[in-house]
């Protein structure tokens, strides 16, 4: 199971590096989507804390 997780991590890092170095525009879009996802997770987490 650890080999599968390390394989996924390695693929994500390689994809991130390629997106950042090779495809500058695509890399910027990926970074924006990651930031948006983090903001939405924090927003949902704060909303769930307030409702309980």
PDB file of N, CA and C in Angstrom:
ATOM      1  N   UNK A   1       0.823  -1.201   0.000  1.00  0.00           N
ATOM      2  CA  UNK A   1       0.000   0.000   0.000  1.00  0.00           C
ATOM      3  C   UNK A   1       0.865   1.262   0.000  1.00  0.00           C
ATOM      4  N   UNK A   2       1.999   1.214   0.738  1.00  0.00           N
ATOM      5  CA  UNK A   2       2.877   2.391   0.765  1.00  0.00           C
ATOM      6  C   UNK A   2       3.451   2.679  -0.614  1.00  0.00           C
ATOM      7  N   UNK A   3       3.721   1.620  -1.393  1.00  0.00           N
ATOM      8  CA  UNK A   3       4.267   1.823  -2.735  1.00  0.00           C
ATOM      9  C   UNK A   3       3.276   2.563  -3.628  1.00  0.00           C
ATOM     10  N   UNK A   4       2.003   2.261  -3.481  1.00  0.00           N
ATOM     11  CA  UNK A   4       0.985   2.930  -4.288  1.00  0.00           C
ATOM     12  C   UNK A   4       0.899   4.405  -3.908  1.00  0.00           C
ATOM     13  N   UNK A   5       0.925   4.685  -2.615  1.00  0.00           N
ATOM     14  CA  UNK A   5       0.845   6.074  -2.156  1.00  0.00           C
ATOM     15  C   UNK A   5       2.061   6.861  -2.622  1.00  0.00           C
ATOM     16  N   UNK A   6       3.257   6.269  -2.496  1.00  0.00           N
ATOM     17  CA  UNK A   6       4.460   6.950  -2.956  1.00  0.00           C
ATOM     18  C   UNK A   6       4.442   7.147  -4.468  1.00  0.00           C
ATOM     19  N   UNK A   7       3.865   6.202  -5.202  1.00  0.00           N
ATOM     20  CA  UNK A   7       3.738   6.359  -6.647  1.00  0.00           C
ATOM     21  C   UNK A   7       2.825   7.518  -7.011  1.00  0.00           C
ATOM     22  N   UNK A   8       1.717   7.633  -6.302  1.00  0.00           N
ATOM     23  CA  UNK A   8       0.786   8.743  -6.547  1.00  0.00           C
ATOM     24  C   UNK A   8       1.441  10.066  -6.200  1.00  0.00           C
ATOM     25  N   UNK A   9       2.137  10.113  -5.063  1.00  0.00           N
ATOM     26  CA  UNK A   9       2.834  11.337  -4.661  1.00  0.00           C
ATOM     27  C   UNK A   9       3.874  11.726  -5.702  1.00  0.00           C
ATOM     28  N   UNK A  10       4.633  10.756  -6.181  1.00  0.00           N
ATOM     29  CA  UNK A  10       5.652  11.026  -7.189  1.00  0.00           C
ATOM     30  C   UNK A  10       5.030  11.553  -8.485  1.00  0.00           C
ATOM     31  N   UNK A  11       3.925  10.950  -8.917  1.00  0.00           N
ATOM     32  CA  UNK A  11       3.250  11.428 -10.130  1.00  0.00           C
ATOM     33  C   UNK A  11       2.724  12.844  -9.958  1.00  0.00           C
ATOM     34  N   UNK A  12       2.172  13.154  -8.798  1.00  0.00           N
ATOM     35  CA  UNK A  12       1.660  14.506  -8.560  1.00  0.00           C
ATOM     36  C   UNK A  12       2.790  15.532  -8.539  1.00  0.00           C
ATOM     37  N   UNK A  13       3.915  15.172  -7.932  1.00  0.00           N
ATOM     38  CA  UNK A  13       5.050  16.101  -7.905  1.00  0.00           C
ATOM     39  C   UNK A  13       5.604  16.320  -9.306  1.00  0.00           C
ATOM     40  N   UNK A  14       5.737  15.244 -10.071  1.00  0.00           N
ATOM     41  CA  UNK A  14       6.221  15.375 -11.448  1.00  0.00           C
ATOM     42  C   UNK A  14       5.263  16.229 -12.273  1.00  0.00           C
ATOM     43  N   UNK A  15       3.961  15.986 -12.126  1.00  0.00           N
ATOM     44  CA  UNK A  15       2.974  16.788 -12.847  1.00  0.00           C
ATOM     45  C   UNK A  15       3.021  18.249 -12.454  1.00  0.00           C
ATOM     46  N   UNK A  16       3.222  18.507 -11.154  1.00  0.00           N
ATOM     47  CA  UNK A  16       3.293  19.886 -10.692  1.00  0.00           C
ATOM     48  C   UNK A  16       4.527  20.582 -11.255  1.00  0.00           C
ATOM     49  N   UNK A  17       5.677  19.890 -11.225  1.00  0.00           N
ATOM     50  CA  UNK A  17       6.913  20.479 -11.743  1.00  0.00           C
ATOM     51  C   UNK A  17       6.791  20.732 -13.242  1.00  0.00           C
ATOM     52  N   UNK A  18       6.242  19.772 -13.972  1.00  0.00           N
ATOM     53  CA  UNK A  18       6.060  19.978 -15.415  1.00  0.00           C
ATOM     54  C   UNK A  18       5.096  21.122 -15.687  1.00  0.00           C
ATOM     55  N   UNK A  19       4.031  21.191 -14.923  1.00  0.00           N
ATOM     56  CA  UNK A  19       3.078  22.280 -15.101  1.00  0.00           C
ATOM     57  C   UNK A  19       3.683  23.632 -14.782  1.00  0.00           C
ATOM     58  N   UNK A  20       4.590  23.653 -13.808  1.00  0.00           N
ATOM     59  CA  UNK A  20       5.201  24.918 -13.411  1.00  0.00           C
ATOM     60  C   UNK A  20       6.312  25.341 -14.367  1.00  0.00           C
ATOM     61  N   UNK A  21       7.097  24.384 -14.853  1.00  0.00           N
ATOM     62  CA  UNK A  21       8.265  24.706 -15.671  1.00  0.00           C
ATOM     63  C   UNK A  21       7.921  24.728 -17.160  1.00  0.00           C
ATOM     64  N   UNK A  22       7.244  23.695 -17.634  1.00  0.00           N
ATOM     65  CA  UNK A  22       7.022  23.548 -19.066  1.00  0.00           C
ATOM     66  C   UNK A  22       5.809  24.359 -19.535  1.00  0.00           C
ATOM     67  N   UNK A  23       4.708  24.199 -18.846  1.00  0.00           N
ATOM     68  CA  UNK A  23       3.477  24.863 -19.253  1.00  0.00           C
ATOM     69  C   UNK A  23       3.164  25.968 -18.248  1.00  0.00           C
ATOM     70  N   UNK A  24       3.741  27.130 -18.461  1.00  0.00           N
ATOM     71  CA  UNK A  24       3.595  28.211 -17.483  1.00  0.00           C
ATOM     72  C   UNK A  24       2.134  28.616 -17.296  1.00  0.00           C
ATOM     73  N   UNK A  25       1.376  28.712 -18.367  1.00  0.00           N
ATOM     74  CA  UNK A  25      -0.024  29.116 -18.248  1.00  0.00           C
ATOM     75  C   UNK A  25      -0.821  28.033 -17.535  1.00  0.00           C
ATOM     76  N   UNK A  26      -0.617  26.794 -17.937  1.00  0.00           N
ATOM     77  CA  UNK A  26      -1.322  25.684 -17.292  1.00  0.00           C
ATOM     78  C   UNK A  26      -0.901  25.563 -15.837  1.00  0.00           C
ATOM     79  N   UNK A  27       0.360  25.809 -15.545  1.00  0.00           N
ATOM     80  CA  UNK A  27       0.844  25.780 -14.166  1.00  0.00           C
ATOM     81  C   UNK A  27       0.161  26.839 -13.316  1.00  0.00           C
ATOM     82  N   UNK A  28      -0.037  28.011 -13.878  1.00  0.00           N
ATOM     83  CA  UNK A  28      -0.721  29.082 -13.151  1.00  0.00           C
ATOM     84  C   UNK A  28      -2.170  28.706 -12.880  1.00  0.00           C
ATOM     85  N   UNK A  29      -2.809  28.081 -13.853  1.00  0.00           N
ATOM     86  CA  UNK A  29      -4.199  27.653 -13.665  1.00  0.00           C
ATOM     87  C   UNK A  29      -4.285  26.586 -12.577  1.00  0.00           C
ATOM     88  N   UNK A  30      -3.345  25.648 -12.570  1.00  0.00           N
ATOM     89  CA  UNK A  30      -3.343  24.611 -11.546  1.00  0.00           C
ATOM     90  C   UNK A  30      -3.151  25.232 -10.170  1.00  0.00           C
ATOM     91  N   UNK A  31      -2.253  26.192 -10.059  1.00  0.00           N
ATOM     92  CA  UNK A  31      -2.035  26.847  -8.777  1.00  0.00           C
ATOM     93  C   UNK A  31      -3.289  27.603  -8.328  1.00  0.00           C
ATOM     94  N   UNK A  32      -3.943  28.276  -9.245  1.00  0.00           N
ATOM     95  CA  UNK A  32      -5.180  28.981  -8.896  1.00  0.00           C
ATOM     96  C   UNK A  32      -6.260  28.003  -8.431  1.00  0.00           C
ATOM     97  N   UNK A  33      -6.376  26.867  -9.102  1.00  0.00           N
ATOM     98  CA  UNK A  33      -7.366  25.872  -8.693  1.00  0.00           C
ATOM     99  C   UNK A  33      -7.037  25.290  -7.320  1.00  0.00           C
ATOM    100  N   UNK A  34      -5.756  25.072  -7.040  1.00  0.00           N
ATOM    101  CA  UNK A  34      -5.359  24.582  -5.725  1.00  0.00           C
ATOM    102  C   UNK A  34      -5.685  25.597  -4.638  1.00  0.00           C
ATOM    103  N   UNK A  35      -5.419  26.864  -4.897  1.00  0.00           N
ATOM    104  CA  UNK A  35      -5.739  27.907  -3.915  1.00  0.00           C
ATOM    105  C   UNK A  35      -7.246  27.997  -3.717  1.00  0.00           C
ATOM    106  N   UNK A  36      -8.011  27.924  -4.792  1.00  0.00           N
ATOM    107  CA  UNK A  36      -9.465  27.956  -4.689  1.00  0.00           C
ATOM    108  C   UNK A  36      -9.985  26.773  -3.883  1.00  0.00           C
ATOM    109  N   UNK A  37      -9.425  25.598  -4.112  1.00  0.00           N
ATOM    110  CA  UNK A  37      -9.850  24.417  -3.376  1.00  0.00           C
ATOM    111  C   UNK A  37      -9.544  24.562  -1.888  1.00  0.00           C
ATOM    112  N   UNK A  38      -8.385  25.092  -1.548  1.00  0.00           N
ATOM    113  CA  UNK A  38      -8.039  25.285  -0.137  1.00  0.00           C
ATOM    114  C   UNK A  38      -8.961  26.296   0.516  1.00  0.00           C
ATOM    115  N   UNK A  39      -9.255  27.380  -0.182  1.00  0.00           N
ATOM    116  CA  UNK A  39     -10.168  28.392   0.363  1.00  0.00           C
ATOM    117  C   UNK A  39     -11.551  27.799   0.590  1.00  0.00           C
ATOM    118  N   UNK A  40     -12.038  27.009  -0.356  1.00  0.00           N
ATOM    119  CA  UNK A  40     -13.363  26.403  -0.202  1.00  0.00           C
ATOM    120  C   UNK A  40     -13.401  25.394   0.942  1.00  0.00           C
ATOM    121  N   UNK A  41     -12.333  24.632   1.125  1.00  0.00           N
ATOM    122  CA  UNK A  41     -12.280  23.685   2.241  1.00  0.00           C
ATOM    123  C   UNK A  41     -12.324  24.433   3.567  1.00  0.00           C
ATOM    124  N   UNK A  42     -11.560  25.513   3.679  1.00  0.00           N
ATOM    125  CA  UNK A  42     -11.561  26.297   4.920  1.00  0.00           C
ATOM    126  C   UNK A  42     -12.922  26.936   5.140  1.00  0.00           C
ATOM    127  N   UNK A  43     -13.532  27.454   4.091  1.00  0.00           N
ATOM    128  CA  UNK A  43     -14.855  28.076   4.202  1.00  0.00           C
ATOM    129  C   UNK A  43     -15.894  27.060   4.677  1.00  0.00           C
ATOM    130  N   UNK A  44     -15.896  25.870   4.068  1.00  0.00           N
ATOM    131  CA  UNK A  44     -16.849  24.834   4.480  1.00  0.00           C
ATOM    132  C   UNK A  44     -16.586  24.371   5.905  1.00  0.00           C
ATOM    133  N   UNK A  45     -15.325  24.271   6.290  1.00  0.00           N
ATOM    134  CA  UNK A  45     -14.969  23.861   7.644  1.00  0.00           C
ATOM    135  C   UNK A  45     -15.468  24.886   8.661  1.00  0.00           C
ATOM    136  N   UNK A  46     -15.300  26.187   8.360  1.00  0.00           N
ATOM    137  CA  UNK A  46     -15.760  27.229   9.270  1.00  0.00           C
ATOM    138  C   UNK A  46     -17.292  27.251   9.335  1.00  0.00           C
ATOM    139  N   UNK A  47     -17.970  27.044   8.222  1.00  0.00           N
ATOM    140  CA  UNK A  47     -19.434  27.030   8.229  1.00  0.00           C
ATOM    141  C   UNK A  47     -19.977  25.855   9.036  1.00  0.00           C
ATOM    142  N   UNK A  48     -19.343  24.700   8.948  1.00  0.00           N
ATOM    143  CA  UNK A  48     -19.793  23.545   9.713  1.00  0.00           C
ATOM    144  C   UNK A  48     -19.555  23.751  11.194  1.00  0.00           C
ATOM    145  N   UNK A  49     -18.495  24.452  11.569  1.00  0.00           N
ATOM    146  CA  UNK A  49     -18.234  24.723  12.985  1.00  0.00           C
ATOM    147  C   UNK A  49     -19.288  25.670  13.562  1.00  0.00           C
ATOM    148  N   UNK A  50     -19.710  26.652  12.780  1.00  0.00           N
ATOM    149  CA  UNK A  50     -20.695  27.628  13.259  1.00  0.00           C
ATOM    150  C   UNK A  50     -22.073  26.995  13.413  1.00  0.00           C
ATOM    151  N   UNK A  51     -22.415  26.057  12.549  1.00  0.00           N
ATOM    152  CA  UNK A  51     -23.767  25.471  12.581  1.00  0.00           C
ATOM    153  C   UNK A  51     -23.950  24.463  13.701  1.00  0.00           C
ATOM    154  N   UNK A  52     -22.846  23.923  14.237  1.00  0.00           N
ATOM    155  CA  UNK A  52     -22.994  22.923  15.310  1.00  0.00           C
ATOM    156  C   UNK A  52     -22.886  23.531  16.674  1.00  0.00           C
TER     157      UNK A  52
END
